[in-house]
Structures are given as structure tokens and as C-alpha cells.
Amino acid sequence: MEMTDENTVMVMKNVMSASVLPAPEGYESRLDCWERITGRKAGKCAHEICNRPATHGALAVRAFSTDTARYIFPACETCARRTEMLYVHGPLVKM
């Protein structure tokens, strides 16, 4: 897994039903994966207009892109379940 630049803002679309998918192998959760790979503690949700605490590792793809990779970003419960596009601040962990 790799991560994007921390100054990156990407337009993302959550992967539907991602909450039923298991955490990446060797990690307790997607949020744990994001924290260990970035070396940061998740603070607030990475969605640009949200200020709630990050409690989930959202799984998303880039909107308007041919890049089919999935990315993990710290999100609050609400933003992790959103169906519309989100402006997400990096770093993001590419799976």
C-alpha cells in the first residue's frame, strides 16, 4: 500500500457497502491501516466541509477518473456512508 501527498485534495466517491468488507490483512480496521501507514493519528474527518471526529476508515474511489484504485481516508460515520462526491484532504492510503 502507498499513500498520496498530504496536500492533495481529491474528489472521491465512497465504495457502496464497504462497511461489510473486512479490514486489510494485518490491520484491526481501515482506520488503523490509515494511521499506521501514514504515521498519523486520525483527528477530524478528511471531508473538506466536515469537522466531526474521524471514527471510520472510509473506502473510496476517485471520481471523474480512470484510476480504479481504492483509497482509505479518515471519516466520521456520516461521511463514510455518503453517496455523493466528497472533497477529501490527503494523505490517502492507496490499496
PDB file of N, CA and C in Angstrom:
ATOM      1  N   MET A   1       0.846  -1.178   0.000  1.00  0.00           N
ATOM      2  CA  MET A   1       0.000   0.000   0.000  1.00  0.00           C
ATOM      3  C   MET A   1       0.886   1.234   0.000  1.00  0.00           C
ATOM      4  N   GLU A   2       0.400   2.269  -0.634  1.00  0.00           N
ATOM      5  CA  GLU A   2       1.120   3.535  -0.690  1.00  0.00           C
ATOM      6  C   GLU A   2       0.180   4.652  -0.306  1.00  0.00           C
ATOM      7  N   MET A   3       0.722   5.849  -0.125  1.00  0.00           N
ATOM      8  CA  MET A   3      -0.145   6.959   0.233  1.00  0.00           C
ATOM      9  C   MET A   3       0.087   8.146  -0.693  1.00  0.00           C
ATOM     10  N   THR A   4      -0.941   8.995  -0.793  1.00  0.00           N
ATOM     11  CA  THR A   4      -0.851  10.193  -1.610  1.00  0.00           C
ATOM     12  C   THR A   4      -0.224  11.310  -0.789  1.00  0.00           C
ATOM     13  N   ASP A   5       0.123  12.371  -1.455  1.00  0.00           N
ATOM     14  CA  ASP A   5       0.685  13.550  -0.802  1.00  0.00           C
ATOM     15  C   ASP A   5      -0.329  14.134   0.182  1.00  0.00           C
ATOM     16  N   GLU A   6       0.146  14.622   1.310  1.00  0.00           N
ATOM     17  CA  GLU A   6      -0.767  15.166   2.313  1.00  0.00           C
ATOM     18  C   GLU A   6      -1.434  16.457   1.869  1.00  0.00           C
ATOM     19  N   ASN A   7      -0.897  17.140   0.872  1.00  0.00           N
ATOM     20  CA  ASN A   7      -1.505  18.375   0.385  1.00  0.00           C
ATOM     21  C   ASN A   7      -2.521  18.129  -0.722  1.00  0.00           C
ATOM     22  N   THR A   8      -2.746  16.873  -1.058  1.00  0.00           N
ATOM     23  CA  THR A   8      -3.666  16.510  -2.122  1.00  0.00           C
ATOM     24  C   THR A   8      -5.115  16.663  -1.664  1.00  0.00           C
ATOM     25  N   VAL A   9      -5.946  17.225  -2.539  1.00  0.00           N
ATOM     26  CA  VAL A   9      -7.393  17.211  -2.340  1.00  0.00           C
ATOM     27  C   VAL A   9      -7.956  16.466  -3.537  1.00  0.00           C
ATOM     28  N   MET A  10      -8.678  15.388  -3.263  1.00  0.00           N
ATOM     29  CA  MET A  10      -9.247  14.573  -4.333  1.00  0.00           C
ATOM     30  C   MET A  10     -10.760  14.561  -4.232  1.00  0.00           C
ATOM     31  N   VAL A  11     -11.408  14.491  -5.384  1.00  0.00           N
ATOM     32  CA  VAL A  11     -12.858  14.301  -5.415  1.00  0.00           C
ATOM     33  C   VAL A  11     -13.068  12.791  -5.378  1.00  0.00           C
ATOM     34  N   MET A  12     -13.730  12.334  -4.319  1.00  0.00           N
ATOM     35  CA  MET A  12     -13.875  10.905  -4.080  1.00  0.00           C
ATOM     36  C   MET A  12     -15.339  10.494  -4.041  1.00  0.00           C
ATOM     37  N   LYS A  13     -15.566   9.212  -4.284  1.00  0.00           N
ATOM     38  CA  LYS A  13     -16.898   8.613  -4.200  1.00  0.00           C
ATOM     39  C   LYS A  13     -16.739   7.342  -3.369  1.00  0.00           C
ATOM     40  N   ASN A  14     -17.485   7.252  -2.272  1.00  0.00           N
ATOM     41  CA  ASN A  14     -17.383   6.085  -1.401  1.00  0.00           C
ATOM     42  C   ASN A  14     -17.779   4.807  -2.131  1.00  0.00           C
ATOM     43  N   VAL A  15     -17.123   3.715  -1.769  1.00  0.00           N
ATOM     44  CA  VAL A  15     -17.471   2.396  -2.274  1.00  0.00           C
ATOM     45  C   VAL A  15     -18.695   1.945  -1.484  1.00  0.00           C
ATOM     46  N   MET A  16     -19.771   1.671  -2.179  1.00  0.00           N
ATOM     47  CA  MET A  16     -21.016   1.277  -1.505  1.00  0.00           C
ATOM     48  C   MET A  16     -20.851  -0.074  -0.813  1.00  0.00           C
ATOM     49  N   SER A  17     -21.454  -0.204   0.332  1.00  0.00           N
ATOM     50  CA  SER A  17     -21.428  -1.420   1.159  1.00  0.00           C
ATOM     51  C   SER A  17     -20.029  -1.777   1.650  1.00  0.00           C
ATOM     52  N   ALA A  18     -19.125  -0.796   1.692  1.00  0.00           N
ATOM     53  CA  ALA A  18     -17.758  -1.062   2.141  1.00  0.00           C
ATOM     54  C   ALA A  18     -17.712  -1.463   3.610  1.00  0.00           C
ATOM     55  N   SER A  19     -18.725  -1.076   4.378  1.00  0.00           N
ATOM     56  CA  SER A  19     -18.717  -1.395   5.805  1.00  0.00           C
ATOM     57  C   SER A  19     -18.744  -2.906   6.067  1.00  0.00           C
ATOM     58  N   VAL A  20     -19.191  -3.688   5.107  1.00  0.00           N
ATOM     59  CA  VAL A  20     -19.215  -5.141   5.302  1.00  0.00           C
ATOM     60  C   VAL A  20     -17.910  -5.806   4.850  1.00  0.00           C
ATOM     61  N   LEU A  21     -17.053  -5.062   4.206  1.00  0.00           N
ATOM     62  CA  LEU A  21     -15.769  -5.612   3.759  1.00  0.00           C
ATOM     63  C   LEU A  21     -14.805  -5.687   4.934  1.00  0.00           C
ATOM     64  N   PRO A  22     -13.969  -6.717   4.993  1.00  0.00           N
ATOM     65  CA  PRO A  22     -13.023  -6.838   6.109  1.00  0.00           C
ATOM     66  C   PRO A  22     -11.911  -5.785   6.011  1.00  0.00           C
ATOM     67  N   ALA A  23     -11.263  -5.563   7.132  1.00  0.00           N
ATOM     68  CA  ALA A  23     -10.101  -4.670   7.167  1.00  0.00           C
ATOM     69  C   ALA A  23      -8.968  -5.296   6.352  1.00  0.00           C
ATOM     70  N   PRO A  24      -8.053  -4.478   5.833  1.00  0.00           N
ATOM     71  CA  PRO A  24      -6.896  -5.059   5.136  1.00  0.00           C
ATOM     72  C   PRO A  24      -6.153  -6.025   6.068  1.00  0.00           C
ATOM     73  N   GLU A  25      -5.596  -7.048   5.483  1.00  0.00           N
ATOM     74  CA  GLU A  25      -4.918  -8.070   6.280  1.00  0.00           C
ATOM     75  C   GLU A  25      -3.805  -7.450   7.119  1.00  0.00           C
ATOM     76  N   GLY A  26      -3.768  -7.821   8.392  1.00  0.00           N
ATOM     77  CA  GLY A  26      -2.753  -7.338   9.316  1.00  0.00           C
ATOM     78  C   GLY A  26      -3.154  -6.079  10.075  1.00  0.00           C
ATOM     79  N   TYR A  27      -4.360  -5.577   9.831  1.00  0.00           N
ATOM     80  CA  TYR A  27      -4.839  -4.361  10.492  1.00  0.00           C
ATOM     81  C   TYR A  27      -6.174  -4.643  11.181  1.00  0.00           C
ATOM     82  N   GLU A  28      -6.415  -3.929  12.279  1.00  0.00           N
ATOM     83  CA  GLU A  28      -7.668  -4.099  13.022  1.00  0.00           C
ATOM     84  C   GLU A  28      -8.856  -3.500  12.272  1.00  0.00           C
ATOM     85  N   SER A  29      -8.615  -2.422  11.543  1.00  0.00           N
ATOM     86  CA  SER A  29      -9.668  -1.727  10.813  1.00  0.00           C
ATOM     87  C   SER A  29      -9.017  -0.914   9.694  1.00  0.00           C
ATOM     88  N   ARG A  30      -9.848  -0.340   8.814  1.00  0.00           N
ATOM     89  CA  ARG A  30      -9.284   0.537   7.780  1.00  0.00           C
ATOM     90  C   ARG A  30      -8.689   1.794   8.400  1.00  0.00           C
ATOM     91  N   LEU A  31      -9.290   2.288   9.478  1.00  0.00           N
ATOM     92  CA  LEU A  31      -8.740   3.470  10.139  1.00  0.00           C
ATOM     93  C   LEU A  31      -7.375   3.145  10.750  1.00  0.00           C
ATOM     94  N   ASP A  32      -7.241   1.978  11.348  1.00  0.00           N
ATOM     95  CA  ASP A  32      -5.955   1.525  11.884  1.00  0.00           C
ATOM     96  C   ASP A  32      -4.921   1.443  10.756  1.00  0.00           C
ATOM     97  N   CYS A  33      -5.326   0.925   9.611  1.00  0.00           N
ATOM     98  CA  CYS A  33      -4.440   0.841   8.440  1.00  0.00           C
ATOM     99  C   CYS A  33      -3.965   2.232   8.037  1.00  0.00           C
ATOM    100  N   TRP A  34      -4.902   3.183   7.910  1.00  0.00           N
ATOM    101  CA  TRP A  34      -4.559   4.554   7.526  1.00  0.00           C
ATOM    102  C   TRP A  34      -3.571   5.162   8.530  1.00  0.00           C
ATOM    103  N   GLU A  35      -3.842   4.991   9.825  1.00  0.00           N
ATOM    104  CA  GLU A  35      -2.983   5.576  10.862  1.00  0.00           C
ATOM    105  C   GLU A  35      -1.584   4.972  10.836  1.00  0.00           C
ATOM    106  N   ARG A  36      -1.481   3.669  10.699  1.00  0.00           N
ATOM    107  CA  ARG A  36      -0.165   3.019  10.721  1.00  0.00           C
ATOM    108  C   ARG A  36       0.646   3.340   9.472  1.00  0.00           C
ATOM    109  N   ILE A  37       0.015   3.397   8.298  1.00  0.00           N
ATOM    110  CA  ILE A  37       0.760   3.686   7.072  1.00  0.00           C
ATOM    111  C   ILE A  37       1.174   5.153   6.999  1.00  0.00           C
ATOM    112  N   THR A  38       0.301   6.062   7.408  1.00  0.00           N
ATOM    113  CA  THR A  38       0.642   7.491   7.350  1.00  0.00           C
ATOM    114  C   THR A  38       1.493   7.933   8.529  1.00  0.00           C
ATOM    115  N   GLY A  39       1.467   7.164   9.623  1.00  0.00           N
ATOM    116  CA  GLY A  39       2.195   7.561  10.823  1.00  0.00           C
ATOM    117  C   GLY A  39       1.509   8.698  11.568  1.00  0.00           C
ATOM    118  N   ARG A  40       0.232   8.901  11.292  1.00  0.00           N
ATOM    119  CA  ARG A  40      -0.542   9.964  11.923  1.00  0.00           C
ATOM    120  C   ARG A  40      -1.710   9.380  12.698  1.00  0.00           C
ATOM    121  N   LYS A  41      -2.173  10.142  13.653  1.00  0.00           N
ATOM    122  CA  LYS A  41      -3.391   9.797  14.380  1.00  0.00           C
ATOM    123  C   LYS A  41      -4.532  10.524  13.680  1.00  0.00           C
ATOM    124  N   ALA A  42      -5.590   9.790  13.338  1.00  0.00           N
ATOM    125  CA  ALA A  42      -6.737  10.419  12.685  1.00  0.00           C
ATOM    126  C   ALA A  42      -7.385  11.390  13.660  1.00  0.00           C
ATOM    127  N   GLY A  43      -7.564  12.600  13.223  1.00  0.00           N
ATOM    128  CA  GLY A  43      -8.219  13.622  14.048  1.00  0.00           C
ATOM    129  C   GLY A  43      -9.637  13.825  13.574  1.00  0.00           C
ATOM    130  N   LYS A  44      -9.797  14.811  12.705  1.00  0.00           N
ATOM    131  CA  LYS A  44     -11.135  15.071  12.187  1.00  0.00           C
ATOM    132  C   LYS A  44     -11.323  14.410  10.829  1.00  0.00           C
ATOM    133  N   CYS A  45     -12.547  14.307  10.441  1.00  0.00           N
ATOM    134  CA  CYS A  45     -12.930  13.748   9.152  1.00  0.00           C
ATOM    135  C   CYS A  45     -12.195  14.492   8.032  1.00  0.00           C
ATOM    136  N   ALA A  46     -11.743  13.764   7.014  1.00  0.00           N
ATOM    137  CA  ALA A  46     -10.971  14.368   5.920  1.00  0.00           C
ATOM    138  C   ALA A  46     -11.844  15.058   4.878  1.00  0.00           C
ATOM    139  N   HIS A  47     -13.175  14.914   4.975  1.00  0.00           N
ATOM    140  CA  HIS A  47     -14.065  15.602   4.040  1.00  0.00           C
ATOM    141  C   HIS A  47     -13.979  17.102   4.302  1.00  0.00           C
ATOM    142  N   GLU A  48     -13.783  17.854   3.246  1.00  0.00           N
ATOM    143  CA  GLU A  48     -13.498  19.288   3.322  1.00  0.00           C
ATOM    144  C   GLU A  48     -14.477  20.089   4.180  1.00  0.00           C
ATOM    145  N   ILE A  49     -15.747  19.757   4.147  1.00  0.00           N
ATOM    146  CA  ILE A  49     -16.719  20.581   4.866  1.00  0.00           C
ATOM    147  C   ILE A  49     -17.157  19.975   6.207  1.00  0.00           C
ATOM    148  N   CYS A  50     -16.475  18.949   6.658  1.00  0.00           N
ATOM    149  CA  CYS A  50     -16.851  18.273   7.903  1.00  0.00           C
ATOM    150  C   CYS A  50     -15.805  18.542   8.983  1.00  0.00           C
ATOM    151  N   ASN A  51     -16.263  18.749  10.201  1.00  0.00           N
ATOM    152  CA  ASN A  51     -15.351  18.969  11.326  1.00  0.00           C
ATOM    153  C   ASN A  51     -15.549  17.953  12.438  1.00  0.00           C
ATOM    154  N   ARG A  52     -16.293  16.885  12.152  1.00  0.00           N
ATOM    155  CA  ARG A  52     -16.532  15.865  13.178  1.00  0.00           C
ATOM    156  C   ARG A  52     -15.289  14.980  13.335  1.00  0.00           C
ATOM    157  N   PRO A  53     -15.157  14.307  14.466  1.00  0.00           N
ATOM    158  CA  PRO A  53     -14.027  13.401  14.679  1.00  0.00           C
ATOM    159  C   PRO A  53     -14.078  12.215  13.705  1.00  0.00           C
ATOM    160  N   ALA A  54     -12.924  11.795  13.255  1.00  0.00           N
ATOM    161  CA  ALA A  54     -12.812  10.627  12.370  1.00  0.00           C
ATOM    162  C   ALA A  54     -12.902   9.366  13.220  1.00  0.00           C
ATOM    163  N   THR A  55     -13.894   8.542  12.932  1.00  0.00           N
ATOM    164  CA  THR A  55     -14.091   7.299  13.672  1.00  0.00           C
ATOM    165  C   THR A  55     -14.061   6.074  12.764  1.00  0.00           C
ATOM    166  N   HIS A  56     -13.993   6.318  11.453  1.00  0.00           N
ATOM    167  CA  HIS A  56     -14.027   5.239  10.458  1.00  0.00           C
ATOM    168  C   HIS A  56     -12.932   5.456   9.411  1.00  0.00           C
ATOM    169  N   GLY A  57     -12.553   4.383   8.779  1.00  0.00           N
ATOM    170  CA  GLY A  57     -11.698   4.471   7.608  1.00  0.00           C
ATOM    171  C   GLY A  57     -12.582   4.260   6.395  1.00  0.00           C
ATOM    172  N   ALA A  58     -12.917   5.335   5.698  1.00  0.00           N
ATOM    173  CA  ALA A  58     -13.787   5.221   4.530  1.00  0.00           C
ATOM    174  C   ALA A  58     -13.004   4.615   3.371  1.00  0.00           C
ATOM    175  N   LEU A  59     -13.699   3.869   2.544  1.00  0.00           N
ATOM    176  CA  LEU A  59     -13.102   3.261   1.363  1.00  0.00           C
ATOM    177  C   LEU A  59     -13.754   3.916   0.152  1.00  0.00           C
ATOM    178  N   ALA A  60     -12.938   4.526  -0.710  1.00  0.00           N
ATOM    179  CA  ALA A  60     -13.480   5.309  -1.819  1.00  0.00           C
ATOM    180  C   ALA A  60     -12.622   5.171  -3.070  1.00  0.00           C
ATOM    181  N   VAL A  61     -13.213   5.567  -4.191  1.00  0.00           N
ATOM    182  CA  VAL A  61     -12.502   5.644  -5.470  1.00  0.00           C
ATOM    183  C   VAL A  61     -12.511   7.101  -5.919  1.00  0.00           C
ATOM    184  N   ARG A  62     -11.594   7.432  -6.813  1.00  0.00           N
ATOM    185  CA  ARG A  62     -11.540   8.796  -7.342  1.00  0.00           C
ATOM    186  C   ARG A  62     -12.694   9.006  -8.320  1.00  0.00           C
ATOM    187  N   ALA A  63     -13.398  10.111  -8.165  1.00  0.00           N
ATOM    188  CA  ALA A  63     -14.483  10.468  -9.081  1.00  0.00           C
ATOM    189  C   ALA A  63     -13.874  11.090 -10.336  1.00  0.00           C
ATOM    190  N   PHE A  64     -14.557  10.947 -11.453  1.00  0.00           N
ATOM    191  CA  PHE A  64     -14.130  11.545 -12.724  1.00  0.00           C
ATOM    192  C   PHE A  64     -12.734  11.111 -13.129  1.00  0.00           C
ATOM    193  N   SER A  65     -12.365   9.873 -12.856  1.00  0.00           N
ATOM    194  CA  SER A  65     -11.012   9.396 -13.120  1.00  0.00           C
ATOM    195  C   SER A  65     -11.062   7.969 -13.667  1.00  0.00           C
ATOM    196  N   THR A  66     -10.041   7.637 -14.430  1.00  0.00           N
ATOM    197  CA  THR A  66      -9.895   6.253 -14.884  1.00  0.00           C
ATOM    198  C   THR A  66      -9.139   5.417 -13.852  1.00  0.00           C
ATOM    199  N   ASP A  67      -8.642   6.058 -12.803  1.00  0.00           N
ATOM    200  CA  ASP A  67      -7.957   5.374 -11.709  1.00  0.00           C
ATOM    201  C   ASP A  67      -8.993   4.532 -10.961  1.00  0.00           C
ATOM    202  N   THR A  68      -8.841   3.222 -10.989  1.00  0.00           N
ATOM    203  CA  THR A  68      -9.803   2.336 -10.333  1.00  0.00           C
ATOM    204  C   THR A  68      -9.341   1.871  -8.952  1.00  0.00           C
ATOM    205  N   ALA A  69      -8.217   2.402  -8.493  1.00  0.00           N
ATOM    206  CA  ALA A  69      -7.713   2.024  -7.170  1.00  0.00           C
ATOM    207  C   ALA A  69      -8.680   2.494  -6.086  1.00  0.00           C
ATOM    208  N   ARG A  70      -8.650   1.795  -4.980  1.00  0.00           N
ATOM    209  CA  ARG A  70      -9.437   2.182  -3.812  1.00  0.00           C
ATOM    210  C   ARG A  70      -8.517   2.875  -2.823  1.00  0.00           C
ATOM    211  N   TYR A  71      -9.048   3.867  -2.162  1.00  0.00           N
ATOM    212  CA  TYR A  71      -8.287   4.664  -1.209  1.00  0.00           C
ATOM    213  C   TYR A  71      -8.987   4.663   0.145  1.00  0.00           C
ATOM    214  N   ILE A  72      -8.195   4.736   1.200  1.00  0.00           N
ATOM    215  CA  ILE A  72      -8.727   4.840   2.555  1.00  0.00           C
ATOM    216  C   ILE A  72      -8.462   6.259   3.045  1.00  0.00           C
ATOM    217  N   PHE A  73      -9.467   6.848   3.672  1.00  0.00           N
ATOM    218  CA  PHE A  73      -9.274   8.143   4.326  1.00  0.00           C
ATOM    219  C   PHE A  73     -10.057   8.161   5.635  1.00  0.00           C
ATOM    220  N   PRO A  74      -9.608   8.951   6.614  1.00  0.00           N
ATOM    221  CA  PRO A  74     -10.317   9.026   7.890  1.00  0.00           C
ATOM    222  C   PRO A  74     -11.626   9.791   7.712  1.00  0.00           C
ATOM    223  N   ALA A  75     -12.714   9.256   8.250  1.00  0.00           N
ATOM    224  CA  ALA A  75     -14.022   9.874   8.088  1.00  0.00           C
ATOM    225  C   ALA A  75     -14.865   9.693   9.343  1.00  0.00           C
ATOM    226  N   CYS A  76     -15.823  10.591   9.508  1.00  0.00           N
ATOM    227  CA  CYS A  76     -16.820  10.391  10.552  1.00  0.00           C
ATOM    228  C   CYS A  76     -17.798   9.337  10.023  1.00  0.00           C
ATOM    229  N   GLU A  77     -18.669   8.842  10.870  1.00  0.00           N
ATOM    230  CA  GLU A  77     -19.612   7.814  10.441  1.00  0.00           C
ATOM    231  C   GLU A  77     -20.501   8.301   9.294  1.00  0.00           C
ATOM    232  N   THR A  78     -20.944   9.538   9.364  1.00  0.00           N
ATOM    233  CA  THR A  78     -21.823  10.095   8.325  1.00  0.00           C
ATOM    234  C   THR A  78     -21.122  10.165   6.979  1.00  0.00           C
ATOM    235  N   CYS A  79     -19.920  10.725   6.945  1.00  0.00           N
ATOM    236  CA  CYS A  79     -19.201  10.885   5.670  1.00  0.00           C
ATOM    237  C   CYS A  79     -18.738   9.544   5.100  1.00  0.00           C
ATOM    238  N   ALA A  80     -18.495   8.572   5.959  1.00  0.00           N
ATOM    239  CA  ALA A  80     -18.098   7.243   5.483  1.00  0.00           C
ATOM    240  C   ALA A  80     -19.240   6.561   4.736  1.00  0.00           C
ATOM    241  N   ARG A  81     -20.473   7.025   4.945  1.00  0.00           N
ATOM    242  CA  ARG A  81     -21.648   6.411   4.327  1.00  0.00           C
ATOM    243  C   ARG A  81     -22.269   7.291   3.226  1.00  0.00           C
ATOM    244  N   ARG A  82     -21.726   8.463   3.000  1.00  0.00           N
ATOM    245  CA  ARG A  82     -22.314   9.370   1.996  1.00  0.00           C
ATOM    246  C   ARG A  82     -22.290   8.747   0.610  1.00  0.00           C
ATOM    247  N   THR A  83     -23.291   9.082  -0.185  1.00  0.00           N
ATOM    248  CA  THR A  83     -23.364   8.563  -1.550  1.00  0.00           C
ATOM    249  C   THR A  83     -22.969   9.610  -2.586  1.00  0.00           C
ATOM    250  N   GLU A  84     -22.913  10.869  -2.184  1.00  0.00           N
ATOM    251  CA  GLU A  84     -22.491  11.906  -3.123  1.00  0.00           C
ATOM    252  C   GLU A  84     -20.970  12.038  -3.111  1.00  0.00           C
ATOM    253  N   MET A  85     -20.425  12.823  -4.031  1.00  0.00           N
ATOM    254  CA  MET A  85     -18.978  13.009  -4.103  1.00  0.00           C
ATOM    255  C   MET A  85     -18.495  13.857  -2.929  1.00  0.00           C
ATOM    256  N   LEU A  86     -17.272  13.588  -2.496  1.00  0.00           N
ATOM    257  CA  LEU A  86     -16.673  14.285  -1.363  1.00  0.00           C
ATOM    258  C   LEU A  86     -15.328  14.886  -1.788  1.00  0.00           C
ATOM    259  N   TYR A  87     -15.034  16.052  -1.297  1.00  0.00           N
ATOM    260  CA  TYR A  87     -13.696  16.640  -1.480  1.00  0.00           C
ATOM    261  C   TYR A  87     -12.887  16.237  -0.258  1.00  0.00           C
ATOM    262  N   VAL A  88     -11.901  15.401  -0.472  1.00  0.00           N
ATOM    263  CA  VAL A  88     -11.168  14.791   0.631  1.00  0.00           C
ATOM    264  C   VAL A  88      -9.708  15.272   0.646  1.00  0.00           C
ATOM    265  N   HIS A  89      -9.259  15.700   1.813  1.00  0.00           N
ATOM    266  CA  HIS A  89      -7.875  16.134   2.007  1.00  0.00           C
ATOM    267  C   HIS A  89      -6.989  14.925   2.318  1.00  0.00           C
ATOM    268  N   GLY A  90      -5.817  14.884   1.711  1.00  0.00           N
ATOM    269  CA  GLY A  90      -4.867  13.806   1.938  1.00  0.00           C
ATOM    270  C   GLY A  90      -4.129  13.985   3.245  1.00  0.00           C
ATOM    271  N   PRO A  91      -3.307  13.015   3.577  1.00  0.00           N
ATOM    272  CA  PRO A  91      -2.958  11.887   2.734  1.00  0.00           C
ATOM    273  C   PRO A  91      -4.034  10.811   2.725  1.00  0.00           C
ATOM    274  N   LEU A  92      -4.111  10.118   1.609  1.00  0.00           N
ATOM    275  CA  LEU A  92      -4.994   8.975   1.437  1.00  0.00           C
ATOM    276  C   LEU A  92      -4.109   7.741   1.231  1.00  0.00           C
ATOM    277  N   VAL A  93      -4.565   6.623   1.723  1.00  0.00           N
ATOM    278  CA  VAL A  93      -3.806   5.385   1.561  1.00  0.00           C
ATOM    279  C   VAL A  93      -4.396   4.618   0.383  1.00  0.00           C
ATOM    280  N   LYS A  94      -3.558   4.378  -0.607  1.00  0.00           N
ATOM    281  CA  LYS A  94      -3.985   3.652  -1.794  1.00  0.00           C
ATOM    282  C   LYS A  94      -3.828   2.171  -1.538  1.00  0.00           C
ATOM    283  N   MET A  95      -4.903   1.422  -1.762  1.00  0.00           N
ATOM    284  CA  MET A  95      -4.865  -0.016  -1.521  1.00  0.00           C
ATOM    285  C   MET A  95      -4.422  -0.764  -2.758  1.00  0.00           C
TER     286      MET A  95
END
